[in-house]
Amino acid sequence: MLYFFYIQGANIFELKKYLILSFFLIGLTCEAQIKNFSFHGSANYPIIKTVETDHQSITLPIAGAAGYTSYVIPVGIRESYTSKVGFEIGSRFDYNLTPKFFITSGLSINHIRYKRTVEISHLSPNIQIYNLPTTVGQPFGALYGSFATRDARGNVELSPPALLQKSENVGNTTTLGLQVPVLIGTSFLKKKLEVRTGALFSYLLYATQTKQQYTASTQSLSEYKDSSKDGFNEFQAGIAIQTNYLFGRIGVDFAAQKFFTPIYKSSEQFGGEAKYNVLSLGLSYHL
């Protein structure tokens, strides 16, 4: 019987704790309220720094007929980015914490455009060549000269320079992401100027890249768009700073975003870890 009363007493004690916690949370909820709800649209401009690897040695095999097995070339690889204007649309709400501070969250679609160029930045003349053991009576060497494919009349159909010609559109990239901010803000100038800062999270919905491929049957190069997200990091995390100046229900918005997660997965990073920095300017309508 005493054991029964002990259990009952413990249950009542736990119940009191949960009731006190519930009343506390309800009090906070009643105290806080949605301060503002708005829709916004803006133009954005990504700023992606050029990244470059340290000089590293690459071993390339050589056909045995040349008399050598391989040679080592010290090279460096650079990735540069040409920014283009995109856009962002979405909605957000402010949630009052105190008369002075509030939390901002919401949902937006971010459309980013840029061109990615990957090139060899350094090619050392100090090449190490490894000899192939020779055999008496077995010739070695390599054919060289200008190669060209000709038709029956002797006209050139395709020559190596045409194979090396790259389209200007190669590297054009477009991404579409879903963004959720978690910011803390305050207001100035009689609540006309609002400033927010905090964390920003993004999920990649869609990505497309312009690439080039060689078709052996036609001996030609052609462009195509790769819409796979495989080489991209789907989740991005960073920080954001937003300012908003109100003219009645219309606001002028400016935002700066910095992401800490690399744009590409390690298998797709040739020059280094490229990361997004995005500036945006636009308008918002406050309900």
Protein backbone atom coordinates (compact mmCIF):
# COMPACT_ATOMS: atom_id res chain seq x y z
CA MET A 1 0.00 0.00 0.00
CA LEU A 2 2.84 2.37 0.84
CA TYR A 3 4.44 1.56 -2.51
CA PHE A 4 1.18 2.42 -4.26
CA PHE A 5 0.99 5.83 -2.56
CA TYR A 6 4.64 6.48 -3.43
CA ILE A 7 3.93 5.87 -7.12
CA GLN A 8 0.84 8.02 -6.99
CA GLY A 9 2.78 10.82 -5.31
CA ALA A 10 5.55 10.62 -7.92
CA ASN A 11 3.01 10.79 -10.75
CA ILE A 12 1.33 13.83 -9.21
CA PHE A 13 4.71 15.52 -8.83
CA GLU A 14 5.59 14.88 -12.51
CA LEU A 15 2.15 16.11 -13.56
CA LYS A 16 2.66 19.36 -11.66
CA LYS A 17 5.99 19.92 -13.42
CA TYR A 18 4.42 19.45 -16.85
CA LEU A 19 1.50 21.74 -15.95
CA ILE A 20 3.84 24.50 -14.79
CA LEU A 21 5.92 24.15 -17.98
CA SER A 22 2.77 24.20 -20.13
CA PHE A 23 1.47 27.38 -18.48
CA PHE A 24 4.88 28.99 -18.97
CA LEU A 25 4.95 28.16 -22.71
CA ILE A 26 1.36 29.31 -23.14
CA GLY A 27 2.27 32.59 -21.48
CA LEU A 28 5.15 33.11 -23.88
CA THR A 29 2.93 32.32 -26.85
CA CYS A 30 0.28 34.77 -25.72
CA GLU A 31 2.89 37.45 -25.12
CA ALA A 32 4.46 37.03 -28.60
CA GLN A 33 2.55 37.82 -31.75
CA ILE A 34 3.09 38.17 -35.47
CA LYS A 35 4.30 41.71 -36.05
CA ASN A 36 4.38 41.86 -39.83
CA PHE A 37 3.82 39.75 -42.95
CA SER A 38 5.23 40.73 -46.35
CA PHE A 39 5.91 39.60 -49.91
CA HIS A 40 9.15 40.53 -51.61
CA GLY A 41 10.89 40.34 -54.97
CA SER A 42 14.44 41.36 -55.84
CA ALA A 43 17.26 41.07 -58.35
CA ASN A 44 20.34 39.23 -57.11
CA TYR A 45 23.97 39.15 -58.14
CA PRO A 46 26.33 36.33 -57.06
CA ILE A 47 29.95 37.09 -56.22
CA ILE A 48 32.05 33.92 -56.40
CA LYS A 49 35.79 34.26 -55.81
CA THR A 50 38.28 32.67 -58.21
CA VAL A 51 39.84 29.55 -56.71
CA GLU A 52 43.13 27.93 -57.72
CA THR A 53 44.98 24.78 -56.68
CA ASP A 54 48.61 24.69 -55.66
CA HIS A 55 50.94 23.37 -58.34
CA GLN A 56 50.75 19.61 -58.41
CA SER A 57 52.40 16.92 -60.51
CA ILE A 58 50.32 14.96 -63.01
CA THR A 59 51.66 11.75 -64.58
CA LEU A 60 50.68 11.18 -68.21
CA PRO A 61 51.37 7.90 -70.05
CA ILE A 62 53.17 7.86 -73.41
CA ALA A 63 52.75 5.34 -76.20
CA GLY A 64 55.55 2.77 -76.02
CA ALA A 65 56.51 3.43 -79.64
CA ALA A 66 57.82 6.82 -78.54
CA GLY A 67 60.57 5.18 -76.50
CA TYR A 68 59.27 6.43 -73.15
CA THR A 69 56.70 5.16 -70.65
CA SER A 70 55.41 8.39 -69.10
CA TYR A 71 56.22 11.94 -68.19
CA VAL A 72 55.35 14.12 -65.17
CA ILE A 73 54.14 17.72 -65.61
CA PRO A 74 53.69 20.17 -62.68
CA VAL A 75 50.40 22.02 -63.32
CA GLY A 76 47.93 24.29 -61.51
CA ILE A 77 44.18 24.55 -62.14
CA ARG A 78 42.10 27.74 -61.82
CA GLU A 79 38.32 28.14 -61.63
CA SER A 80 36.92 31.59 -62.36
CA TYR A 81 33.30 32.76 -62.29
CA THR A 82 31.47 35.39 -64.34
CA SER A 83 28.37 36.59 -62.49
CA LYS A 84 24.98 37.25 -64.06
CA VAL A 85 21.81 38.83 -62.66
CA GLY A 86 19.16 36.48 -61.25
CA PHE A 87 16.13 36.98 -59.02
CA GLU A 88 14.53 36.08 -55.67
CA ILE A 89 10.83 36.01 -54.75
CA GLY A 90 9.14 34.95 -51.54
CA SER A 91 7.40 35.92 -48.32
CA ARG A 92 8.45 36.46 -44.72
CA PHE A 93 6.96 37.22 -41.34
CA ASP A 94 8.22 38.92 -38.19
CA TYR A 95 7.46 37.47 -34.76
CA ASN A 96 7.68 39.84 -31.78
CA LEU A 97 9.97 38.87 -28.91
CA THR A 98 10.04 42.25 -27.14
CA PRO A 99 8.84 45.74 -28.15
CA LYS A 100 12.32 46.27 -29.65
CA PHE A 101 13.36 42.88 -31.07
CA PHE A 102 11.70 40.33 -33.34
CA ILE A 103 12.46 37.06 -35.14
CA THR A 104 12.09 36.84 -38.91
CA SER A 105 11.52 33.71 -40.95
CA GLY A 106 9.81 32.81 -44.22
CA LEU A 107 10.28 31.05 -47.53
CA SER A 108 11.75 32.21 -50.83
CA ILE A 109 12.89 30.95 -54.23
CA ASN A 110 16.41 32.03 -55.22
CA HIS A 111 17.46 31.91 -58.91
CA ILE A 112 21.24 32.29 -59.41
CA ARG A 113 23.13 32.56 -62.72
CA TYR A 114 26.87 32.53 -63.48
CA LYS A 115 29.48 31.15 -65.88
CA ARG A 116 32.15 28.76 -64.62
CA THR A 117 35.51 28.55 -66.42
CA VAL A 118 38.06 25.85 -65.59
CA GLU A 119 41.55 26.29 -67.05
CA ILE A 120 45.19 25.36 -66.52
CA SER A 121 46.82 28.30 -64.74
CA HIS A 122 50.36 26.94 -64.61
CA LEU A 123 52.28 24.52 -66.80
CA SER A 124 55.88 23.98 -65.75
CA PRO A 125 58.55 23.43 -68.42
CA ASN A 126 60.36 21.10 -66.00
CA ILE A 127 59.04 17.82 -67.40
CA GLN A 128 60.42 14.54 -66.08
CA ILE A 129 60.53 11.82 -68.76
CA TYR A 130 60.88 8.15 -67.89
CA ASN A 131 62.69 6.00 -70.47
CA LEU A 132 61.42 2.73 -71.86
CA PRO A 133 63.98 -0.13 -71.91
CA THR A 134 65.12 -0.63 -75.50
CA THR A 135 65.56 -3.89 -77.38
CA VAL A 136 68.19 -4.46 -80.04
CA GLY A 137 66.63 -4.67 -83.47
CA GLN A 138 63.29 -3.20 -82.37
CA PRO A 139 62.75 0.34 -83.71
CA PHE A 140 61.00 2.99 -81.70
CA GLY A 141 59.87 6.54 -82.29
CA ALA A 142 56.68 8.50 -82.95
CA LEU A 143 54.90 9.85 -86.01
CA TYR A 144 54.21 13.56 -85.99
CA GLY A 145 52.79 16.17 -88.33
CA SER A 146 49.54 17.86 -89.22
CA PHE A 147 46.58 15.50 -89.15
CA ALA A 148 43.48 16.14 -91.24
CA THR A 149 40.56 14.05 -92.44
CA ARG A 150 39.89 14.44 -96.18
CA ASP A 151 37.11 13.36 -98.49
CA ALA A 152 37.51 11.56 -101.86
CA ARG A 153 38.42 14.83 -103.57
CA GLY A 154 41.08 15.68 -101.03
CA ASN A 155 39.14 18.43 -99.25
CA VAL A 156 39.70 18.76 -95.49
CA GLU A 157 36.62 17.67 -93.54
CA LEU A 158 37.83 18.21 -90.02
CA SER A 159 41.16 19.15 -88.50
CA PRO A 160 42.34 19.10 -84.86
CA PRO A 161 41.93 22.88 -84.31
CA ALA A 162 38.19 22.47 -84.86
CA LEU A 163 38.10 19.79 -82.18
CA LEU A 164 39.73 22.13 -79.68
CA GLN A 165 37.38 25.04 -80.30
CA LYS A 166 35.16 25.62 -77.26
CA SER A 167 31.76 27.29 -77.36
CA GLU A 168 31.30 30.58 -75.53
CA ASN A 169 28.28 29.13 -73.73
CA VAL A 170 30.17 26.29 -72.06
CA GLY A 171 30.12 26.78 -68.29
CA ASN A 172 26.86 28.75 -68.12
CA THR A 173 25.14 27.62 -64.94
CA THR A 174 21.69 28.23 -63.45
CA THR A 175 20.54 27.10 -60.01
CA LEU A 176 17.15 27.32 -58.31
CA GLY A 177 17.06 27.01 -54.53
CA LEU A 178 14.51 27.10 -51.70
CA GLN A 179 15.66 29.35 -48.85
CA VAL A 180 14.59 29.64 -45.21
CA PRO A 181 16.05 32.43 -43.03
CA VAL A 182 16.11 32.47 -39.22
CA LEU A 183 16.98 36.07 -38.35
CA ILE A 184 16.75 38.39 -35.38
CA GLY A 185 15.88 42.01 -36.11
CA THR A 186 15.27 45.44 -34.68
CA SER A 187 13.99 48.78 -35.99
CA PHE A 188 15.20 52.39 -36.09
CA LEU A 189 13.96 55.81 -37.23
CA LYS A 190 10.46 55.41 -35.78
CA LYS A 191 10.25 51.83 -37.09
CA LYS A 192 10.83 52.85 -40.71
CA LEU A 193 14.26 51.20 -40.94
CA GLU A 194 14.46 47.49 -40.08
CA VAL A 195 17.73 45.56 -39.77
CA ARG A 196 17.97 41.76 -39.52
CA THR A 197 20.80 39.26 -39.28
CA GLY A 198 21.14 35.54 -38.62
CA ALA A 199 21.31 32.12 -40.22
CA LEU A 200 20.22 31.18 -43.72
CA PHE A 201 19.51 27.68 -45.04
CA SER A 202 19.05 26.68 -48.68
CA TYR A 203 18.05 23.53 -50.53
CA LEU A 204 18.87 23.08 -54.22
CA LEU A 205 15.77 22.31 -56.28
CA TYR A 206 17.20 22.48 -59.81
CA ALA A 207 20.52 23.06 -61.57
CA THR A 208 21.56 23.15 -65.21
CA GLN A 209 25.00 23.53 -66.84
CA THR A 210 25.94 24.05 -70.48
CA LYS A 211 28.52 21.49 -71.56
CA GLN A 212 30.13 20.33 -74.82
CA GLN A 213 30.47 16.86 -76.30
CA TYR A 214 32.19 15.29 -79.30
CA THR A 215 30.15 13.15 -81.70
CA ALA A 216 32.37 10.60 -83.46
CA SER A 217 29.88 9.82 -86.23
CA THR A 218 29.77 13.43 -87.43
CA GLN A 219 33.22 14.38 -86.09
CA SER A 220 31.83 17.55 -84.57
CA LEU A 221 31.35 19.31 -81.25
CA SER A 222 27.90 20.16 -79.95
CA GLU A 223 26.44 21.88 -76.91
CA TYR A 224 24.01 20.31 -74.47
CA LYS A 225 22.47 21.22 -71.12
CA ASP A 226 23.09 18.92 -68.17
CA SER A 227 20.21 19.22 -65.67
CA SER A 228 21.64 16.83 -63.07
CA LYS A 229 22.26 17.97 -59.47
CA ASP A 230 24.80 15.20 -58.87
CA GLY A 231 27.87 17.45 -58.75
CA PHE A 232 26.29 20.10 -56.49
CA ASN A 233 25.87 20.26 -52.72
CA GLU A 234 22.11 20.23 -52.28
CA PHE A 235 22.14 21.83 -48.80
CA GLN A 236 23.74 25.21 -48.14
CA ALA A 237 24.18 27.02 -44.82
CA GLY A 238 25.32 30.57 -44.24
CA ILE A 239 24.51 33.97 -42.75
CA ALA A 240 22.50 36.92 -44.04
CA ILE A 241 22.14 40.63 -43.33
CA GLN A 242 18.92 42.33 -44.47
CA THR A 243 17.80 45.95 -44.34
CA ASN A 244 14.35 47.28 -45.16
CA TYR A 245 13.24 50.93 -45.37
CA LEU A 246 9.48 51.46 -45.31
CA PHE A 247 7.49 54.00 -47.31
CA GLY A 248 4.05 53.17 -45.98
CA ARG A 249 3.35 49.56 -47.00
CA ILE A 250 6.16 49.53 -49.59
CA GLY A 251 9.67 48.70 -48.51
CA VAL A 252 13.04 48.95 -50.25
CA ASP A 253 15.08 45.83 -49.45
CA PHE A 254 18.82 45.20 -49.55
CA ALA A 255 20.40 41.90 -48.51
CA ALA A 256 23.87 40.35 -48.39
CA GLN A 257 24.29 36.57 -48.06
CA LYS A 258 27.42 34.54 -47.40
CA PHE A 259 27.37 30.74 -47.56
CA PHE A 260 29.92 28.54 -45.81
CA THR A 261 29.11 25.35 -47.72
CA PRO A 262 30.97 24.80 -51.05
CA ILE A 263 28.83 24.98 -54.19
CA TYR A 264 30.18 21.71 -55.59
CA LYS A 265 30.93 18.32 -54.11
CA SER A 266 34.60 17.40 -53.67
CA SER A 267 34.56 15.23 -56.82
CA GLU A 268 33.60 18.29 -58.91
CA GLN A 269 36.03 20.79 -57.35
CA PHE A 270 39.05 21.19 -59.60
CA GLY A 271 40.46 24.53 -58.48
CA GLY A 272 39.26 24.60 -54.87
CA GLU A 273 36.16 25.20 -52.77
CA ALA A 274 34.03 27.84 -54.49
CA LYS A 275 31.28 29.40 -52.31
CA TYR A 276 28.34 31.71 -52.87
CA ASN A 277 28.26 35.37 -51.84
CA VAL A 278 25.01 36.97 -53.04
CA LEU A 279 23.84 40.61 -53.06
CA SER A 280 20.20 41.49 -53.74
CA LEU A 281 18.12 44.65 -54.13
CA GLY A 282 14.35 44.81 -54.47
CA LEU A 283 10.93 45.81 -53.12
CA SER A 284 8.53 44.35 -50.57
CA TYR A 285 4.85 44.82 -49.80
CA HIS A 286 3.78 44.69 -46.14
CA LEU A 287 0.28 43.61 -45.12
